[in-house]
Amino acid sequence: MNKELQVYANIKGIGSASGLLLKGNLLYVIGDNSAYLYEYNIISKTLNKIELLKGIKVLENIPKAKKRDFEVLCNYKNTLYVLGSGSTPNRNLMITYYLDSKKVVKQDLSSLYAKVKSSCKIDDDNLNIEGAVFNGVNWFLFNRGNGNAKKNGVIKIYGSDLTKATKIEFTSIVLLKTDQKLVSFTDAVLYKNQIYFIAAAEDTTSTYHDGEILGSYIGSLNAETLSLNFIKQISANQKFEGISFFKENTSNLEFLLCEDRDTEILETVIYKLVI
């Protein structure tokens, strides 16, 4: 394993982790095939499950065709946002979770995703939102370019309300190619004036079907211009799908990462990455 990458926590009870966020001593994790938001206390090592979807029989390991595909977990101040990938019609849900009141609010993003596809020239087979950044003013959605059109890039949504978006811009971002396969976004987080992202290469041209993992990468974009600052490989055989800022030291930055191992085992490993 890369010497900059270390195991930080092993959490039983979470499967297919696709996004994470550290707030104080609480680590919030989502899974793309789960109806829960997981709240893990890094001090007491206890796990709390917050039910996001009511009235369904299966809450974990939801079958692929029925899952909401929650790929995005981001926050602004004391509010968490969980977004579906938009890769199929039943993956257009956004959940807002208010940390102070513990209130859960559901919103349908079908209209937004339709506008995104129209204005950004992304067809049904190529929309796959894997990460998001919200700065309190505008949204930045990270489309993973693992479809046949290779539409890897950042969708800027002007305004704070995703359901009322009228101005949308797409910036295509070419990261790397490895073995002729495109390296494409899997998550992103804002820290100071930089957007730090993780990305992966996979042997597939489908936003729905997984392929052989060809490596994971970390890099950063300028938060104003979206120009690429750097990208480097962090693993040759793992697929990291979630990133959260951890802490800054005098000479480096530390992030937490989660890995989607595409299994039904309810156990996930959280990694610490030092750059």
C-alpha atoms as a PDB file:
ATOM      1  CA  MET A   1       0.000   0.000   0.000  1.00  0.00           C
ATOM      2  CA  ASN A   2       1.068   3.564  -0.678  1.00  0.00           C
ATOM      3  CA  LYS A   3       2.973   4.809   2.389  1.00  0.00           C
ATOM      4  CA  GLU A   4       0.831   7.968   2.318  1.00  0.00           C
ATOM      5  CA  LEU A   5      -2.292   5.814   2.714  1.00  0.00           C
ATOM      6  CA  GLN A   6      -3.055   4.259   6.127  1.00  0.00           C
ATOM      7  CA  VAL A   7      -6.016   2.431   7.640  1.00  0.00           C
ATOM      8  CA  TYR A   8      -7.829   4.875   9.930  1.00  0.00           C
ATOM      9  CA  ALA A   9     -10.890   2.884  11.056  1.00  0.00           C
ATOM     10  CA  ASN A  10     -12.633  -0.404  10.381  1.00  0.00           C
ATOM     11  CA  ILE A  11     -16.393  -0.028  10.804  1.00  0.00           C
ATOM     12  CA  LYS A  12     -18.716  -2.998  11.020  1.00  0.00           C
ATOM     13  CA  GLY A  13     -22.284  -2.342   9.902  1.00  0.00           C
ATOM     14  CA  ILE A  14     -21.622  -0.247   6.776  1.00  0.00           C
ATOM     15  CA  GLY A  15     -21.416  -1.699   3.266  1.00  0.00           C
ATOM     16  CA  SER A  16     -20.578  -0.198  -0.154  1.00  0.00           C
ATOM     17  CA  ALA A  17     -19.424   3.138   1.286  1.00  0.00           C
ATOM     18  CA  SER A  18     -19.717   5.867  -1.334  1.00  0.00           C
ATOM     19  CA  GLY A  19     -19.336   9.140   0.586  1.00  0.00           C
ATOM     20  CA  LEU A  20     -18.121  10.415   3.945  1.00  0.00           C
ATOM     21  CA  LEU A  21     -17.860  13.606   5.957  1.00  0.00           C
ATOM     22  CA  LEU A  22     -16.135  14.330   9.249  1.00  0.00           C
ATOM     23  CA  LYS A  23     -17.806  16.824  11.622  1.00  0.00           C
ATOM     24  CA  GLY A  24     -16.022  17.055  14.957  1.00  0.00           C
ATOM     25  CA  ASN A  25     -15.841  13.535  16.403  1.00  0.00           C
ATOM     26  CA  LEU A  26     -18.628  12.260  14.179  1.00  0.00           C
ATOM     27  CA  LEU A  27     -17.934  10.608  10.848  1.00  0.00           C
ATOM     28  CA  TYR A  28     -20.954  10.497   8.535  1.00  0.00           C
ATOM     29  CA  VAL A  29     -20.957   7.810   5.850  1.00  0.00           C
ATOM     30  CA  ILE A  30     -23.403   6.868   3.089  1.00  0.00           C
ATOM     31  CA  GLY A  31     -23.630   3.703   1.030  1.00  0.00           C
ATOM     32  CA  ASP A  32     -24.888   3.640  -2.542  1.00  0.00           C
ATOM     33  CA  ASN A  33     -27.176   0.667  -1.797  1.00  0.00           C
ATOM     34  CA  SER A  34     -28.416   1.768   1.632  1.00  0.00           C
ATOM     35  CA  ALA A  35     -31.343   3.801   2.972  1.00  0.00           C
ATOM     36  CA  TYR A  36     -29.331   4.937   5.999  1.00  0.00           C
ATOM     37  CA  LEU A  37     -27.020   7.797   6.801  1.00  0.00           C
ATOM     38  CA  TYR A  38     -24.435   6.303   9.141  1.00  0.00           C
ATOM     39  CA  GLU A  39     -23.044   8.300  12.072  1.00  0.00           C
ATOM     40  CA  TYR A  40     -19.837   6.860  13.522  1.00  0.00           C
ATOM     41  CA  ASN A  41     -18.285   8.289  16.687  1.00  0.00           C
ATOM     42  CA  ILE A  42     -14.526   8.083  16.178  1.00  0.00           C
ATOM     43  CA  ILE A  43     -13.884   8.338  19.937  1.00  0.00           C
ATOM     44  CA  SER A  44     -16.361   5.792  21.323  1.00  0.00           C
ATOM     45  CA  LYS A  45     -16.331   3.727  18.103  1.00  0.00           C
ATOM     46  CA  THR A  46     -20.129   3.444  18.165  1.00  0.00           C
ATOM     47  CA  LEU A  47     -22.362   3.445  15.089  1.00  0.00           C
ATOM     48  CA  ASN A  48     -25.754   5.149  14.795  1.00  0.00           C
ATOM     49  CA  LYS A  49     -28.058   4.614  11.806  1.00  0.00           C
ATOM     50  CA  ILE A  50     -30.251   7.482  10.585  1.00  0.00           C
ATOM     51  CA  GLU A  51     -33.122   6.295   8.394  1.00  0.00           C
ATOM     52  CA  LEU A  52     -33.392   8.444   5.263  1.00  0.00           C
ATOM     53  CA  LEU A  53     -36.038   6.487   3.358  1.00  0.00           C
ATOM     54  CA  LYS A  54     -39.259   5.425   5.043  1.00  0.00           C
ATOM     55  CA  GLY A  55     -41.625   2.663   4.030  1.00  0.00           C
ATOM     56  CA  ILE A  56     -39.253   0.300   2.263  1.00  0.00           C
ATOM     57  CA  LYS A  57     -38.714  -3.296   3.328  1.00  0.00           C
ATOM     58  CA  VAL A  58     -34.990  -3.551   2.583  1.00  0.00           C
ATOM     59  CA  LEU A  59     -32.851  -0.797   4.085  1.00  0.00           C
ATOM     60  CA  GLU A  60     -29.388  -2.192   3.326  1.00  0.00           C
ATOM     61  CA  ASN A  61     -27.999  -4.073   0.328  1.00  0.00           C
ATOM     62  CA  ILE A  62     -30.914  -2.792  -1.749  1.00  0.00           C
ATOM     63  CA  PRO A  63     -30.892  -4.562  -5.156  1.00  0.00           C
ATOM     64  CA  LYS A  64     -29.032  -2.663  -7.886  1.00  0.00           C
ATOM     65  CA  ALA A  65     -32.143  -1.996  -9.985  1.00  0.00           C
ATOM     66  CA  LYS A  66     -34.009  -0.465  -7.030  1.00  0.00           C
ATOM     67  CA  LYS A  67     -31.288   1.338  -5.091  1.00  0.00           C
ATOM     68  CA  ARG A  68     -31.285   5.140  -4.893  1.00  0.00           C
ATOM     69  CA  ASP A  69     -27.545   5.163  -5.597  1.00  0.00           C
ATOM     70  CA  PHE A  70     -26.589   7.765  -3.009  1.00  0.00           C
ATOM     71  CA  GLU A  71     -23.118   8.706  -4.262  1.00  0.00           C
ATOM     72  CA  VAL A  72     -22.823  12.228  -2.872  1.00  0.00           C
ATOM     73  CA  LEU A  73     -22.448  13.393   0.716  1.00  0.00           C
ATOM     74  CA  CYS A  74     -21.504  17.037   1.186  1.00  0.00           C
ATOM     75  CA  ASN A  75     -22.239  19.775   3.664  1.00  0.00           C
ATOM     76  CA  TYR A  76     -22.544  23.473   4.235  1.00  0.00           C
ATOM     77  CA  LYS A  77     -22.290  24.568   7.858  1.00  0.00           C
ATOM     78  CA  ASN A  78     -24.649  22.300   9.876  1.00  0.00           C
ATOM     79  CA  THR A  79     -26.572  20.842   6.959  1.00  0.00           C
ATOM     80  CA  LEU A  80     -25.750  17.595   5.158  1.00  0.00           C
ATOM     81  CA  TYR A  81     -26.800  16.888   1.568  1.00  0.00           C
ATOM     82  CA  VAL A  82     -27.134  13.387   0.134  1.00  0.00           C
ATOM     83  CA  LEU A  83     -27.651  13.150  -3.636  1.00  0.00           C
ATOM     84  CA  GLY A  84     -28.477  10.319  -5.981  1.00  0.00           C
ATOM     85  CA  SER A  85     -26.244   9.868  -9.008  1.00  0.00           C
ATOM     86  CA  GLY A  86     -28.964  10.532 -11.603  1.00  0.00           C
ATOM     87  CA  SER A  87     -27.708   7.579 -13.662  1.00  0.00           C
ATOM     88  CA  THR A  88     -31.224   6.057 -13.845  1.00  0.00           C
ATOM     89  CA  PRO A  89     -34.702   7.609 -13.346  1.00  0.00           C
ATOM     90  CA  ASN A  90     -35.013   6.289  -9.762  1.00  0.00           C
ATOM     91  CA  ARG A  91     -31.682   7.811  -8.714  1.00  0.00           C
ATOM     92  CA  ASN A  92     -32.767  11.461  -8.729  1.00  0.00           C
ATOM     93  CA  LEU A  93     -33.434  11.968  -5.016  1.00  0.00           C
ATOM     94  CA  MET A  94     -31.783  14.488  -2.698  1.00  0.00           C
ATOM     95  CA  ILE A  95     -31.951  14.153   1.074  1.00  0.00           C
ATOM     96  CA  THR A  96     -31.217  17.152   3.290  1.00  0.00           C
ATOM     97  CA  TYR A  97     -30.325  16.307   6.885  1.00  0.00           C
ATOM     98  CA  TYR A  98     -30.214  19.113   9.450  1.00  0.00           C
ATOM     99  CA  LEU A  99     -27.692  18.281  12.164  1.00  0.00           C
ATOM    100  CA  ASP A 100     -29.243  20.586  14.761  1.00  0.00           C
ATOM    101  CA  SER A 101     -32.877  19.475  14.448  1.00  0.00           C
ATOM    102  CA  LYS A 102     -32.207  15.931  13.077  1.00  0.00           C
ATOM    103  CA  LYS A 103     -34.852  16.707  10.442  1.00  0.00           C
ATOM    104  CA  VAL A 104     -34.832  14.767   7.165  1.00  0.00           C
ATOM    105  CA  VAL A 105     -36.213  16.465   4.014  1.00  0.00           C
ATOM    106  CA  LYS A 106     -36.596  14.728   0.632  1.00  0.00           C
ATOM    107  CA  GLN A 107     -36.527  16.563  -2.710  1.00  0.00           C
ATOM    108  CA  ASP A 108     -36.815  15.253  -6.260  1.00  0.00           C
ATOM    109  CA  LEU A 109     -33.977  16.390  -8.535  1.00  0.00           C
ATOM    110  CA  SER A 110     -35.495  14.954 -11.739  1.00  0.00           C
ATOM    111  CA  SER A 111     -36.151  18.445 -13.117  1.00  0.00           C
ATOM    112  CA  LEU A 112     -32.608  19.608 -12.320  1.00  0.00           C
ATOM    113  CA  TYR A 113     -30.991  16.557 -13.871  1.00  0.00           C
ATOM    114  CA  ALA A 114     -33.143  16.996 -16.992  1.00  0.00           C
ATOM    115  CA  LYS A 115     -31.928  20.611 -17.256  1.00  0.00           C
ATOM    116  CA  VAL A 116     -28.334  19.459 -16.737  1.00  0.00           C
ATOM    117  CA  LYS A 117     -28.618  16.886 -19.522  1.00  0.00           C
ATOM    118  CA  SER A 118     -30.142  19.450 -21.866  1.00  0.00           C
ATOM    119  CA  SER A 119     -27.820  22.392 -21.191  1.00  0.00           C
ATOM    120  CA  CYS A 120     -24.616  20.358 -20.813  1.00  0.00           C
ATOM    121  CA  LYS A 121     -25.333  17.965 -23.711  1.00  0.00           C
ATOM    122  CA  ILE A 122     -25.123  14.890 -21.485  1.00  0.00           C
ATOM    123  CA  ASP A 123     -27.429  12.046 -22.498  1.00  0.00           C
ATOM    124  CA  ASP A 124     -29.162   9.510 -20.241  1.00  0.00           C
ATOM    125  CA  ASP A 125     -26.277   7.044 -20.521  1.00  0.00           C
ATOM    126  CA  ASN A 126     -23.625   9.530 -19.424  1.00  0.00           C
ATOM    127  CA  LEU A 127     -25.034  11.394 -16.408  1.00  0.00           C
ATOM    128  CA  ASN A 128     -23.394  10.019 -13.270  1.00  0.00           C
ATOM    129  CA  ILE A 129     -23.029  12.507 -10.389  1.00  0.00           C
ATOM    130  CA  GLU A 130     -20.398  11.194  -7.967  1.00  0.00           C
ATOM    131  CA  GLY A 131     -19.459  14.254  -5.937  1.00  0.00           C
ATOM    132  CA  ALA A 132     -20.640  17.747  -5.026  1.00  0.00           C
ATOM    133  CA  VAL A 133     -19.369  20.922  -3.433  1.00  0.00           C
ATOM    134  CA  PHE A 134     -21.686  23.630  -2.089  1.00  0.00           C
ATOM    135  CA  ASN A 135     -20.097  26.915  -0.987  1.00  0.00           C
ATOM    136  CA  GLY A 136     -23.316  28.548   0.233  1.00  0.00           C
ATOM    137  CA  VAL A 137     -23.765  30.446  -3.042  1.00  0.00           C
ATOM    138  CA  ASN A 138     -23.337  27.982  -5.922  1.00  0.00           C
ATOM    139  CA  TRP A 139     -23.146  24.223  -6.402  1.00  0.00           C
ATOM    140  CA  PHE A 140     -20.503  22.217  -8.231  1.00  0.00           C
ATOM    141  CA  LEU A 141     -21.557  18.714  -9.274  1.00  0.00           C
ATOM    142  CA  PHE A 142     -18.875  16.284 -10.390  1.00  0.00           C
ATOM    143  CA  ASN A 143     -19.921  14.076 -13.285  1.00  0.00           C
ATOM    144  CA  ARG A 144     -17.946  10.886 -13.613  1.00  0.00           C
ATOM    145  CA  GLY A 145     -16.951  10.375 -17.224  1.00  0.00           C
ATOM    146  CA  ASN A 146     -17.093   6.588 -17.214  1.00  0.00           C
ATOM    147  CA  GLY A 147     -19.856   6.446 -19.837  1.00  0.00           C
ATOM    148  CA  ASN A 148     -19.276   5.979 -23.556  1.00  0.00           C
ATOM    149  CA  ALA A 149     -19.175   9.753 -24.198  1.00  0.00           C
ATOM    150  CA  LYS A 150     -16.501  10.330 -21.514  1.00  0.00           C
ATOM    151  CA  LYS A 151     -18.283  13.405 -20.124  1.00  0.00           C
ATOM    152  CA  ASN A 152     -15.942  13.904 -17.179  1.00  0.00           C
ATOM    153  CA  GLY A 153     -16.283  17.379 -15.731  1.00  0.00           C
ATOM    154  CA  VAL A 154     -17.814  19.864 -13.319  1.00  0.00           C
ATOM    155  CA  ILE A 155     -21.402  21.086 -13.591  1.00  0.00           C
ATOM    156  CA  LYS A 156     -21.731  24.522 -11.999  1.00  0.00           C
ATOM    157  CA  ILE A 157     -25.231  25.294 -10.750  1.00  0.00           C
ATOM    158  CA  TYR A 158     -25.722  28.999 -10.037  1.00  0.00           C
ATOM    159  CA  GLY A 159     -27.774  29.671  -6.905  1.00  0.00           C
ATOM    160  CA  SER A 160     -28.285  27.826  -3.651  1.00  0.00           C
ATOM    161  CA  ASP A 161     -31.545  26.004  -4.473  1.00  0.00           C
ATOM    162  CA  LEU A 162     -30.940  23.044  -6.773  1.00  0.00           C
ATOM    163  CA  THR A 163     -34.650  22.649  -7.505  1.00  0.00           C
ATOM    164  CA  LYS A 164     -34.844  26.193  -8.949  1.00  0.00           C
ATOM    165  CA  ALA A 165     -31.675  26.212 -11.040  1.00  0.00           C
ATOM    166  CA  THR A 166     -31.803  28.341 -14.181  1.00  0.00           C
ATOM    167  CA  LYS A 167     -28.127  28.907 -15.032  1.00  0.00           C
ATOM    168  CA  ILE A 168     -25.987  25.806 -15.524  1.00  0.00           C
ATOM    169  CA  GLU A 169     -22.464  25.503 -16.961  1.00  0.00           C
ATOM    170  CA  PHE A 170     -20.366  22.432 -17.768  1.00  0.00           C
ATOM    171  CA  THR A 171     -16.574  22.444 -17.673  1.00  0.00           C
ATOM    172  CA  SER A 172     -15.006  19.388 -19.273  1.00  0.00           C
ATOM    173  CA  ILE A 173     -11.931  18.201 -17.363  1.00  0.00           C
ATOM    174  CA  VAL A 174      -9.535  15.621 -18.768  1.00  0.00           C
ATOM    175  CA  LEU A 175      -7.560  14.089 -15.918  1.00  0.00           C
ATOM    176  CA  LEU A 176      -5.515  11.170 -17.235  1.00  0.00           C
ATOM    177  CA  LYS A 177      -5.783   8.089 -19.365  1.00  0.00           C
ATOM    178  CA  THR A 178      -4.462   4.732 -18.141  1.00  0.00           C
ATOM    179  CA  ASP A 179      -4.424   1.728 -20.469  1.00  0.00           C
ATOM    180  CA  GLN A 180      -6.677   3.803 -22.728  1.00  0.00           C
ATOM    181  CA  LYS A 181      -9.276   4.091 -19.924  1.00  0.00           C
ATOM    182  CA  LEU A 182     -10.247   7.538 -18.695  1.00  0.00           C
ATOM    183  CA  VAL A 183      -9.574   8.494 -15.095  1.00  0.00           C
ATOM    184  CA  SER A 184     -12.823  10.078 -13.887  1.00  0.00           C
ATOM    185  CA  PHE A 185     -14.199  11.764 -10.758  1.00  0.00           C
ATOM    186  CA  THR A 186     -15.541   9.758  -7.810  1.00  0.00           C
ATOM    187  CA  ASP A 187     -15.865  12.541  -5.184  1.00  0.00           C
ATOM    188  CA  ALA A 188     -14.675  16.019  -4.210  1.00  0.00           C
ATOM    189  CA  VAL A 189     -14.352  18.316  -1.207  1.00  0.00           C
ATOM    190  CA  LEU A 190     -13.671  22.055  -0.855  1.00  0.00           C
ATOM    191  CA  TYR A 191     -10.833  23.216   1.365  1.00  0.00           C
ATOM    192  CA  LYS A 192      -9.829  26.888   1.356  1.00  0.00           C
ATOM    193  CA  ASN A 193      -9.583  27.905  -2.313  1.00  0.00           C
ATOM    194  CA  GLN A 194      -8.975  24.410  -3.659  1.00  0.00           C
ATOM    195  CA  ILE A 195     -11.301  21.561  -4.578  1.00  0.00           C
ATOM    196  CA  TYR A 196      -9.620  18.263  -3.748  1.00  0.00           C
ATOM    197  CA  PHE A 197     -10.990  15.334  -5.696  1.00  0.00           C
ATOM    198  CA  ILE A 198     -10.546  11.613  -5.953  1.00  0.00           C
ATOM    199  CA  ALA A 199     -10.894   9.766  -9.224  1.00  0.00           C
ATOM    200  CA  ALA A 200     -10.690   6.229 -10.540  1.00  0.00           C
ATOM    201  CA  ALA A 201     -10.072   4.303 -13.739  1.00  0.00           C
ATOM    202  CA  GLU A 202     -12.286   1.311 -14.421  1.00  0.00           C
ATOM    203  CA  ASP A 203     -12.520  -1.116 -17.333  1.00  0.00           C
ATOM    204  CA  THR A 204     -16.068  -0.175 -18.362  1.00  0.00           C
ATOM    205  CA  THR A 205     -17.917   2.308 -20.554  1.00  0.00           C
ATOM    206  CA  SER A 206     -21.097   2.078 -18.471  1.00  0.00           C
ATOM    207  CA  THR A 207     -22.390   4.307 -15.681  1.00  0.00           C
ATOM    208  CA  TYR A 208     -24.419   1.312 -14.447  1.00  0.00           C
ATOM    209  CA  HIS A 209     -22.169  -1.752 -14.653  1.00  0.00           C
ATOM    210  CA  ASP A 210     -18.900  -1.944 -12.724  1.00  0.00           C
ATOM    211  CA  GLY A 211     -15.642  -3.024 -14.337  1.00  0.00           C
ATOM    212  CA  GLU A 212     -12.146  -4.078 -13.334  1.00  0.00           C
ATOM    213  CA  ILE A 213     -10.510  -1.421 -11.141  1.00  0.00           C
ATOM    214  CA  LEU A 214      -7.439   0.105 -12.759  1.00  0.00           C
ATOM    215  CA  GLY A 215      -6.425   2.524  -9.990  1.00  0.00           C
ATOM    216  CA  SER A 216      -7.418   5.512  -7.846  1.00  0.00           C
ATOM    217  CA  TYR A 217      -6.054   9.046  -7.849  1.00  0.00           C
ATOM    218  CA  ILE A 218      -6.128  12.297  -5.880  1.00  0.00           C
ATOM    219  CA  GLY A 219      -5.804  15.784  -7.285  1.00  0.00           C
ATOM    220  CA  SER A 220      -7.005  19.346  -6.934  1.00  0.00           C
ATOM    221  CA  LEU A 221      -8.726  22.039  -8.943  1.00  0.00           C
ATOM    222  CA  ASN A 222      -8.643  25.791  -8.473  1.00  0.00           C
ATOM    223  CA  ALA A 223     -12.040  26.562  -6.929  1.00  0.00           C
ATOM    224  CA  GLU A 224     -12.461  29.724  -9.036  1.00  0.00           C
ATOM    225  CA  THR A 225     -11.185  28.676 -12.462  1.00  0.00           C
ATOM    226  CA  LEU A 226     -11.581  24.863 -12.172  1.00  0.00           C
ATOM    227  CA  SER A 227      -8.106  24.501 -13.682  1.00  0.00           C
ATOM    228  CA  LEU A 228      -6.250  21.323 -12.769  1.00  0.00           C
ATOM    229  CA  ASN A 229      -3.426  21.795 -10.253  1.00  0.00           C
ATOM    230  CA  PHE A 230      -2.182  18.215  -9.922  1.00  0.00           C
ATOM    231  CA  ILE A 231      -3.209  14.572 -10.049  1.00  0.00           C
ATOM    232  CA  LYS A 232      -1.352  11.557  -8.678  1.00  0.00           C
ATOM    233  CA  GLN A 233      -2.074   7.875  -8.222  1.00  0.00           C
ATOM    234  CA  ILE A 234      -2.725   6.628  -4.675  1.00  0.00           C
ATOM    235  CA  SER A 235      -3.654   2.996  -5.344  1.00  0.00           C
ATOM    236  CA  ALA A 236      -3.363   0.576  -8.246  1.00  0.00           C
ATOM    237  CA  ASN A 237      -6.196  -1.754  -7.237  1.00  0.00           C
ATOM    238  CA  GLN A 238      -8.662   0.103  -4.998  1.00  0.00           C
ATOM    239  CA  LYS A 239     -11.676   2.249  -5.909  1.00  0.00           C
ATOM    240  CA  PHE A 240     -12.109   5.150  -3.492  1.00  0.00           C
ATOM    241  CA  GLU A 241     -15.524   6.809  -3.685  1.00  0.00           C
ATOM    242  CA  GLY A 242     -15.589   9.272  -0.776  1.00  0.00           C
ATOM    243  CA  ILE A 243     -13.254  12.000   0.519  1.00  0.00           C
ATOM    244  CA  SER A 244     -13.433  14.305   3.536  1.00  0.00           C
ATOM    245  CA  PHE A 245     -10.954  16.863   4.824  1.00  0.00           C
ATOM    246  CA  PHE A 246      -9.345  15.694   8.066  1.00  0.00           C
ATOM    247  CA  LYS A 247      -6.680  18.173   9.177  1.00  0.00           C
ATOM    248  CA  GLU A 248      -3.856  20.428   8.064  1.00  0.00           C
ATOM    249  CA  ASN A 249      -0.314  20.218   9.420  1.00  0.00           C
ATOM    250  CA  THR A 250       2.633  22.509   8.789  1.00  0.00           C
ATOM    251  CA  SER A 251       3.836  20.519   5.793  1.00  0.00           C
ATOM    252  CA  ASN A 252       0.888  18.456   4.601  1.00  0.00           C
ATOM    253  CA  LEU A 253      -2.851  17.929   4.388  1.00  0.00           C
ATOM    254  CA  GLU A 254      -4.718  14.871   5.629  1.00  0.00           C
ATOM    255  CA  PHE A 255      -7.927  13.469   4.187  1.00  0.00           C
ATOM    256  CA  LEU A 256     -10.180  10.535   5.012  1.00  0.00           C
ATOM    257  CA  LEU A 257     -11.248   8.211   2.204  1.00  0.00           C
ATOM    258  CA  CYS A 258     -13.792   5.421   1.915  1.00  0.00           C
ATOM    259  CA  GLU A 259     -13.707   2.502  -0.480  1.00  0.00           C
ATOM    260  CA  ASP A 260     -16.599   0.870  -2.298  1.00  0.00           C
ATOM    261  CA  ARG A 261     -15.687  -2.803  -2.552  1.00  0.00           C
ATOM    262  CA  ASP A 262     -18.932  -3.695  -4.373  1.00  0.00           C
ATOM    263  CA  THR A 263     -19.788  -6.529  -1.981  1.00  0.00           C
ATOM    264  CA  GLU A 264     -22.748  -7.234   0.308  1.00  0.00           C
ATOM    265  CA  ILE A 265     -20.526  -7.488   3.390  1.00  0.00           C
ATOM    266  CA  LEU A 266     -21.546  -4.831   5.932  1.00  0.00           C
ATOM    267  CA  GLU A 267     -18.048  -3.701   6.802  1.00  0.00           C
ATOM    268  CA  THR A 268     -16.057  -0.760   5.534  1.00  0.00           C
ATOM    269  CA  VAL A 269     -12.498   0.468   5.935  1.00  0.00           C
ATOM    270  CA  ILE A 270     -11.778   4.185   6.286  1.00  0.00           C
ATOM    271  CA  TYR A 271      -8.350   5.289   5.145  1.00  0.00           C
ATOM    272  CA  LYS A 272      -6.256   8.330   6.007  1.00  0.00           C
ATOM    273  CA  LEU A 273      -4.344   9.922   3.144  1.00  0.00           C
ATOM    274  CA  VAL A 274      -1.460  12.348   3.698  1.00  0.00           C
ATOM    275  CA  ILE A 275      -0.407  14.633   0.842  1.00  0.00           C
END
